């Protein structure tokens, strides 16, 4: 998810230089990056919670 933010920003920068870009992405790429950032944060929190939960269960066994 973190890499998608950089990829979208890079694609927008390259396409703006060439002058050929879809108007929707040009207007909404910051919103799209914020959505990707939110998804990345949620995925990171879920990963850490599962990791801690499984680590505690393994220590008991």
N, C-alpha and C. Protein backbone atom coordinates (compact mmCIF):
# COMPACT_ATOMS: atom_id res chain seq x y z
N UNK A 1 0.82 -1.19 0.00
CA UNK A 1 0.00 0.00 0.00
C UNK A 1 0.86 1.26 0.00
N UNK A 2 1.96 1.22 0.76
CA UNK A 2 2.81 2.41 0.80
C UNK A 2 3.37 2.72 -0.59
N UNK A 3 3.70 1.68 -1.34
CA UNK A 3 4.29 1.88 -2.67
C UNK A 3 3.28 2.45 -3.65
N UNK A 4 2.00 2.18 -3.45
CA UNK A 4 0.98 2.74 -4.34
C UNK A 4 0.93 4.26 -4.27
N UNK A 5 1.19 4.81 -3.11
CA UNK A 5 1.18 6.26 -2.95
C UNK A 5 2.28 6.89 -3.81
N UNK A 6 3.47 6.34 -3.73
CA UNK A 6 4.57 6.84 -4.54
C UNK A 6 4.35 6.61 -6.02
N UNK A 7 3.77 5.46 -6.35
CA UNK A 7 3.51 5.14 -7.76
C UNK A 7 2.51 6.11 -8.37
N UNK A 8 1.42 6.38 -7.65
CA UNK A 8 0.41 7.31 -8.17
C UNK A 8 1.00 8.71 -8.32
N UNK A 9 1.78 9.14 -7.34
CA UNK A 9 2.40 10.46 -7.42
C UNK A 9 3.37 10.55 -8.59
N UNK A 10 4.15 9.50 -8.80
CA UNK A 10 5.09 9.48 -9.92
C UNK A 10 4.35 9.47 -11.25
N UNK A 11 3.30 8.67 -11.36
CA UNK A 11 2.51 8.62 -12.60
C UNK A 11 1.88 9.98 -12.90
N UNK A 12 1.36 10.64 -11.90
CA UNK A 12 0.76 11.96 -12.11
C UNK A 12 1.81 12.96 -12.57
N UNK A 13 2.99 12.94 -11.95
CA UNK A 13 4.05 13.88 -12.33
C UNK A 13 4.52 13.65 -13.76
N UNK A 14 4.70 12.40 -14.14
CA UNK A 14 5.16 12.09 -15.50
C UNK A 14 4.11 12.46 -16.53
N UNK A 15 2.87 12.11 -16.26
CA UNK A 15 1.80 12.39 -17.22
C UNK A 15 1.53 13.88 -17.34
N UNK A 16 1.70 14.64 -16.27
CA UNK A 16 1.49 16.08 -16.35
C UNK A 16 2.57 16.74 -17.20
N UNK A 17 3.77 16.20 -17.19
CA UNK A 17 4.84 16.74 -18.02
C UNK A 17 4.52 16.53 -19.50
N UNK A 18 3.94 15.37 -19.82
CA UNK A 18 3.62 15.05 -21.21
C UNK A 18 2.33 15.73 -21.66
N UNK A 19 1.52 16.14 -20.72
CA UNK A 19 0.27 16.82 -21.06
C UNK A 19 -0.87 15.88 -21.42
N UNK A 20 -0.65 14.57 -21.31
CA UNK A 20 -1.71 13.60 -21.61
C UNK A 20 -2.07 12.87 -20.32
N UNK A 21 -3.20 13.22 -19.77
CA UNK A 21 -3.59 12.56 -18.54
C UNK A 21 -5.10 12.64 -18.40
N UNK A 22 -5.66 11.64 -17.80
CA UNK A 22 -7.10 11.61 -17.55
C UNK A 22 -7.44 12.71 -16.54
N UNK A 23 -8.46 13.47 -16.83
CA UNK A 23 -8.82 14.62 -16.00
C UNK A 23 -9.23 14.20 -14.58
N UNK A 24 -9.89 13.04 -14.45
CA UNK A 24 -10.35 12.59 -13.13
C UNK A 24 -9.16 12.35 -12.21
N UNK A 25 -8.15 11.65 -12.69
CA UNK A 25 -6.97 11.35 -11.87
C UNK A 25 -6.22 12.65 -11.56
N UNK A 26 -6.16 13.54 -12.53
CA UNK A 26 -5.46 14.80 -12.33
C UNK A 26 -6.10 15.61 -11.21
N UNK A 27 -7.41 15.58 -11.10
CA UNK A 27 -8.12 16.34 -10.07
C UNK A 27 -8.17 15.62 -8.73
N UNK A 28 -8.11 14.30 -8.75
CA UNK A 28 -8.35 13.53 -7.53
C UNK A 28 -7.17 12.70 -7.04
N UNK A 29 -5.96 12.93 -7.55
CA UNK A 29 -4.86 12.08 -7.14
C UNK A 29 -4.49 12.27 -5.66
N UNK A 30 -4.71 13.43 -5.10
CA UNK A 30 -4.43 13.60 -3.67
C UNK A 30 -5.43 12.83 -2.81
N UNK A 31 -6.69 12.83 -3.22
CA UNK A 31 -7.70 12.04 -2.50
C UNK A 31 -7.39 10.56 -2.61
N UNK A 32 -6.95 10.14 -3.79
CA UNK A 32 -6.60 8.74 -4.00
C UNK A 32 -5.42 8.34 -3.11
N UNK A 33 -4.43 9.22 -3.00
CA UNK A 33 -3.28 8.95 -2.13
C UNK A 33 -3.70 8.88 -0.67
N UNK A 34 -4.64 9.71 -0.25
CA UNK A 34 -5.12 9.66 1.13
C UNK A 34 -5.86 8.36 1.41
N UNK A 35 -6.61 7.87 0.44
CA UNK A 35 -7.30 6.58 0.59
C UNK A 35 -6.27 5.46 0.73
N UNK A 36 -5.24 5.48 -0.12
CA UNK A 36 -4.19 4.46 -0.02
C UNK A 36 -3.46 4.56 1.31
N UNK A 37 -3.23 5.76 1.80
CA UNK A 37 -2.57 5.93 3.09
C UNK A 37 -3.43 5.36 4.21
N UNK A 38 -4.73 5.62 4.17
CA UNK A 38 -5.64 5.07 5.17
C UNK A 38 -5.67 3.55 5.14
N UNK A 39 -5.71 2.98 3.94
CA UNK A 39 -5.70 1.51 3.82
C UNK A 39 -4.39 0.93 4.33
N UNK A 40 -3.28 1.61 4.05
CA UNK A 40 -1.98 1.13 4.53
C UNK A 40 -1.92 1.17 6.06
N UNK A 41 -2.45 2.22 6.65
CA UNK A 41 -2.44 2.31 8.11
C UNK A 41 -3.32 1.24 8.74
N UNK A 42 -4.49 1.00 8.16
CA UNK A 42 -5.38 -0.05 8.68
C UNK A 42 -4.72 -1.41 8.55
N UNK A 43 -4.11 -1.68 7.39
CA UNK A 43 -3.44 -2.96 7.19
C UNK A 43 -2.28 -3.13 8.17
N UNK A 44 -1.55 -2.06 8.45
CA UNK A 44 -0.45 -2.13 9.40
C UNK A 44 -0.93 -2.41 10.81
N UNK A 45 -2.01 -1.78 11.21
CA UNK A 45 -2.56 -2.02 12.55
C UNK A 45 -3.08 -3.45 12.68
N UNK A 46 -3.77 -3.94 11.66
CA UNK A 46 -4.27 -5.32 11.69
C UNK A 46 -3.10 -6.29 11.77
N UNK A 47 -2.06 -6.04 10.99
CA UNK A 47 -0.88 -6.91 11.02
C UNK A 47 -0.26 -6.94 12.42
N UNK A 48 -0.08 -5.77 13.02
CA UNK A 48 0.53 -5.73 14.35
C UNK A 48 -0.34 -6.41 15.40
N UNK A 49 -1.65 -6.21 15.30
CA UNK A 49 -2.54 -6.85 16.27
C UNK A 49 -2.49 -8.37 16.14
N UNK A 50 -2.50 -8.88 14.90
CA UNK A 50 -2.41 -10.33 14.69
C UNK A 50 -1.07 -10.87 15.15
N UNK A 51 -0.03 -10.12 14.89
CA UNK A 51 1.31 -10.56 15.30
C UNK A 51 1.41 -10.67 16.81
N UNK A 52 0.92 -9.66 17.52
CA UNK A 52 0.96 -9.68 18.98
C UNK A 52 0.08 -10.79 19.52
N UNK A 53 -1.10 -10.96 18.96
CA UNK A 53 -2.03 -12.00 19.40
C UNK A 53 -1.43 -13.39 19.21
N UNK A 54 -0.86 -13.64 18.04
CA UNK A 54 -0.27 -14.96 17.78
C UNK A 54 0.99 -15.17 18.61
N UNK A 55 1.75 -14.13 18.86
CA UNK A 55 2.96 -14.26 19.68
C UNK A 55 2.59 -14.63 21.12
N UNK A 56 1.55 -14.02 21.65
CA UNK A 56 1.11 -14.34 23.01
C UNK A 56 0.58 -15.76 23.09
N UNK A 57 -0.17 -16.21 22.08
CA UNK A 57 -0.71 -17.57 22.09
C UNK A 57 0.41 -18.61 21.96
N UNK A 58 1.44 -18.32 21.22
CA UNK A 58 2.54 -19.25 21.05
C UNK A 58 3.35 -19.35 22.34
N UNK A 59 3.46 -18.26 23.08
CA UNK A 59 4.22 -18.28 24.32
C UNK A 59 3.52 -19.15 25.38
N UNK A 60 2.21 -19.20 25.31
CA UNK A 60 1.44 -20.00 26.29
C UNK A 60 1.64 -21.49 26.00
N UNK A 61 1.68 -21.85 24.72
CA UNK A 61 1.84 -23.26 24.38
C UNK A 61 3.25 -23.67 24.68
